[in-house]
N, C-alpha and C. Protein backbone atom coordinates (compact mmCIF):
# COMPACT_ATOMS: atom_id res chain seq x y z
N MET A 1 36.13 -41.43 -47.59
CA MET A 1 37.66 -41.96 -47.01
C MET A 1 38.66 -40.80 -47.00
N ARG A 2 38.20 -39.39 -47.50
CA ARG A 2 39.87 -38.42 -47.10
C ARG A 2 38.99 -38.12 -45.93
N ALA A 3 38.34 -38.25 -45.67
CA ALA A 3 38.03 -37.62 -44.05
C ALA A 3 39.07 -38.07 -42.75
N TYR A 4 39.08 -39.87 -43.24
CA TYR A 4 39.55 -40.53 -42.61
C TYR A 4 41.05 -41.02 -43.40
N PRO A 5 42.09 -40.38 -43.20
CA PRO A 5 43.34 -40.68 -44.01
C PRO A 5 44.25 -42.29 -43.72
N THR A 6 44.12 -41.95 -42.58
CA THR A 6 44.70 -43.18 -41.69
C THR A 6 43.97 -44.52 -41.04
N VAL A 7 42.86 -44.21 -41.69
CA VAL A 7 42.03 -45.81 -41.34
C VAL A 7 42.67 -46.26 -43.15
N ASN A 8 42.60 -47.79 -42.11
CA ASN A 8 43.16 -48.88 -43.29
C ASN A 8 41.28 -49.41 -43.86
N TRP A 9 41.02 -49.16 -44.68
CA TRP A 9 39.75 -49.95 -45.79
C TRP A 9 40.05 -50.88 -46.49
N ARG A 10 39.27 -51.98 -46.28
CA ARG A 10 39.47 -53.07 -46.92
C ARG A 10 38.81 -53.65 -47.85
N PHE A 11 37.24 -53.21 -46.92
CA PHE A 11 35.94 -53.89 -47.78
C PHE A 11 34.70 -52.61 -47.81
N LEU A 12 34.73 -53.19 -49.20
CA LEU A 12 33.27 -52.35 -49.12
C LEU A 12 32.05 -53.20 -49.31
N ILE A 13 31.34 -52.72 -48.81
CA ILE A 13 29.87 -53.72 -48.91
C ILE A 13 28.55 -52.80 -49.07
N GLU A 14 27.61 -53.32 -49.67
CA GLU A 14 26.81 -52.18 -50.25
C GLU A 14 25.80 -53.40 -49.79
N GLU A 15 24.61 -52.71 -49.44
CA GLU A 15 23.23 -53.46 -49.72
C GLU A 15 22.12 -53.76 -51.07
N ARG A 16 21.83 -54.75 -51.51
CA ARG A 16 22.02 -54.66 -52.77
C ARG A 16 20.45 -55.46 -53.50
N ASN A 17 19.65 -55.47 -52.12
CA ASN A 17 18.13 -56.22 -52.50
C ASN A 17 17.11 -55.79 -52.20
N GLY A 18 17.12 -54.66 -51.04
CA GLY A 18 16.05 -54.03 -51.37
C GLY A 18 15.17 -54.71 -49.59
N LEU A 19 16.08 -54.80 -49.03
CA LEU A 19 15.48 -55.85 -47.76
C LEU A 19 15.21 -54.36 -46.71
N GLY A 20 15.73 -53.24 -47.21
CA GLY A 20 15.60 -52.56 -45.92
C GLY A 20 14.22 -51.84 -46.08
N GLY A 21 13.64 -50.61 -45.33
CA GLY A 21 13.08 -49.87 -44.81
C GLY A 21 12.33 -50.33 -43.40
N THR A 22 11.05 -50.17 -43.23
CA THR A 22 10.43 -50.51 -42.26
C THR A 22 10.56 -51.98 -41.48
N SER A 23 10.65 -52.62 -42.60
CA SER A 23 10.47 -53.70 -42.33
C SER A 23 11.46 -54.50 -41.55
N GLU A 24 12.92 -53.69 -41.19
CA GLU A 24 14.10 -53.75 -40.66
C GLU A 24 13.50 -53.71 -38.93
N LEU A 25 12.70 -52.96 -38.68
CA LEU A 25 12.20 -52.66 -37.38
C LEU A 25 11.22 -54.06 -36.83
N ASP A 26 11.20 -54.95 -38.08
CA ASP A 26 10.25 -56.11 -36.99
C ASP A 26 11.39 -57.39 -37.18
N PHE A 27 11.71 -57.87 -36.30
CA PHE A 27 12.69 -58.56 -35.13
C PHE A 27 12.36 -59.98 -35.18
N THR A 28 11.02 -59.79 -35.49
CA THR A 28 10.72 -61.84 -36.02
C THR A 28 11.66 -62.65 -36.64
N ASN A 29 11.94 -63.77 -36.41
CA ASN A 29 12.67 -64.69 -37.19
C ASN A 29 12.34 -65.10 -38.89
N SER A 30 11.04 -64.61 -38.99
CA SER A 30 10.57 -64.72 -40.65
C SER A 30 11.12 -63.33 -40.97
N THR A 31 11.57 -61.91 -40.40
CA THR A 31 11.60 -60.71 -41.15
C THR A 31 13.57 -61.12 -41.04
N THR A 32 14.22 -61.21 -39.66
CA THR A 32 15.86 -61.32 -39.70
C THR A 32 16.52 -62.31 -40.24
N TRP A 33 15.93 -63.67 -40.65
CA TRP A 33 16.78 -64.61 -41.37
C TRP A 33 16.85 -64.10 -42.76
N PRO A 34 16.26 -63.98 -43.33
CA PRO A 34 16.39 -63.26 -44.94
C PRO A 34 17.77 -62.51 -45.10
N ILE A 35 17.47 -61.23 -44.17
CA ILE A 35 18.50 -60.41 -44.08
C ILE A 35 19.57 -61.14 -43.73
N GLN A 36 19.64 -62.02 -42.57
CA GLN A 36 21.15 -62.26 -42.52
C GLN A 36 21.80 -63.21 -43.30
N MET A 37 20.98 -64.33 -43.92
CA MET A 37 21.55 -65.05 -44.95
C MET A 37 21.82 -64.29 -46.10
N THR A 38 21.35 -63.38 -46.37
CA THR A 38 22.18 -62.05 -47.58
C THR A 38 23.28 -61.64 -47.27
N GLY A 39 23.24 -60.79 -45.89
CA GLY A 39 24.32 -60.53 -45.33
C GLY A 39 25.88 -61.35 -45.58
N ARG A 40 25.37 -62.66 -45.20
CA ARG A 40 26.55 -63.91 -45.02
C ARG A 40 27.07 -63.64 -46.62
N ASP A 41 25.73 -64.04 -46.99
CA ASP A 41 26.25 -64.43 -49.00
C ASP A 41 27.14 -63.03 -49.50
N GLN A 42 26.83 -61.81 -48.90
CA GLN A 42 27.14 -60.33 -49.59
C GLN A 42 28.86 -60.71 -48.82
N ALA A 43 28.88 -61.10 -47.31
CA ALA A 43 30.60 -61.09 -47.28
C ALA A 43 31.17 -62.20 -47.52
N ARG A 44 30.95 -63.28 -47.84
CA ARG A 44 31.53 -64.02 -48.81
C ARG A 44 32.01 -63.34 -50.15
N GLU A 45 31.01 -63.04 -50.82
CA GLU A 45 31.29 -62.20 -51.96
C GLU A 45 32.74 -61.34 -51.64
N ALA A 46 32.60 -60.77 -50.76
CA ALA A 46 33.17 -59.65 -50.54
C ALA A 46 34.77 -59.79 -49.87
N LEU A 47 34.94 -60.89 -49.36
CA LEU A 47 36.22 -61.40 -49.00
C LEU A 47 36.62 -62.64 -50.47
N ALA A 48 35.87 -62.99 -51.01
CA ALA A 48 36.38 -63.77 -52.42
C ALA A 48 36.91 -62.87 -52.96
N TYR A 49 36.39 -61.06 -53.15
CA TYR A 49 37.07 -60.56 -54.44
C TYR A 49 38.36 -59.72 -53.96
N GLY A 50 38.77 -60.08 -52.48
CA GLY A 50 39.72 -59.81 -52.04
C GLY A 50 39.84 -57.96 -51.24
N GLN A 51 40.75 -57.65 -50.67
CA GLN A 51 40.78 -56.09 -49.80
C GLN A 51 41.09 -55.36 -51.35
N GLY A 52 40.66 -54.51 -51.22
CA GLY A 52 40.35 -52.82 -51.57
C GLY A 52 39.58 -53.03 -53.03
N PHE A 53 39.07 -54.11 -53.04
CA PHE A 53 38.08 -54.16 -54.51
C PHE A 53 36.96 -52.78 -54.55
N GLY A 54 36.77 -52.54 -55.12
CA GLY A 54 35.67 -51.48 -55.26
C GLY A 54 35.86 -49.96 -55.00
N PHE A 55 37.09 -49.95 -54.12
CA PHE A 55 37.67 -48.59 -53.77
C PHE A 55 37.80 -47.64 -54.47
N ASP A 56 38.33 -47.88 -55.79
CA ASP A 56 38.59 -47.14 -56.48
C ASP A 56 37.09 -46.34 -57.78
N ASP A 57 36.49 -47.20 -57.80
CA ASP A 57 34.99 -46.61 -58.43
C ASP A 57 34.27 -46.24 -57.22
N LEU A 58 34.54 -45.75 -56.46
CA LEU A 58 33.97 -45.11 -54.97
C LEU A 58 34.51 -43.50 -55.22
N ALA A 59 36.05 -43.84 -55.22
CA ALA A 59 36.75 -42.75 -55.12
C ALA A 59 36.06 -41.39 -56.12
N ASP A 60 35.36 -41.80 -57.69
CA ASP A 60 35.06 -41.43 -58.59
C ASP A 60 34.02 -41.21 -58.76
N ILE A 61 32.98 -41.66 -57.28
CA ILE A 61 31.48 -41.45 -57.49
C ILE A 61 31.51 -39.52 -57.30
N PRO A 62 32.05 -38.82 -56.06
CA PRO A 62 31.77 -37.67 -56.50
C PRO A 62 31.63 -36.89 -57.46
N GLN A 63 32.79 -37.27 -58.57
CA GLN A 63 33.20 -36.46 -59.73
C GLN A 63 32.08 -36.64 -60.95
N GLN A 64 31.33 -37.75 -60.47
CA GLN A 64 29.96 -38.05 -61.06
C GLN A 64 28.84 -36.98 -60.99
N TYR A 65 28.83 -36.38 -59.99
CA TYR A 65 27.68 -35.92 -59.70
C TYR A 65 27.91 -34.23 -59.57
N LYS A 66 29.52 -34.20 -59.61
CA LYS A 66 29.93 -32.53 -59.61
C LYS A 66 29.41 -31.63 -60.81
N THR A 67 28.76 -30.54 -60.54
CA THR A 67 28.15 -29.89 -61.39
C THR A 67 29.06 -28.75 -61.58
N ASN A 68 29.36 -28.00 -62.70
CA ASN A 68 29.24 -26.95 -63.20
C ASN A 68 29.09 -25.80 -63.87
């Protein structure tokens, strides 16, 4: 976010269900349909939370991994 200060970041969406991996290279309907439905559900959730939700927590992540 700091690398692109002029971008109007609105929504933060992350994969949560573990559908990733090599199965994403299988483009049959039985593989892609669950991914599409999960993406639609997660998009609805993100829109319901509203713009900017989650970005405050995201800004704190680098501090959590900082070693002294």
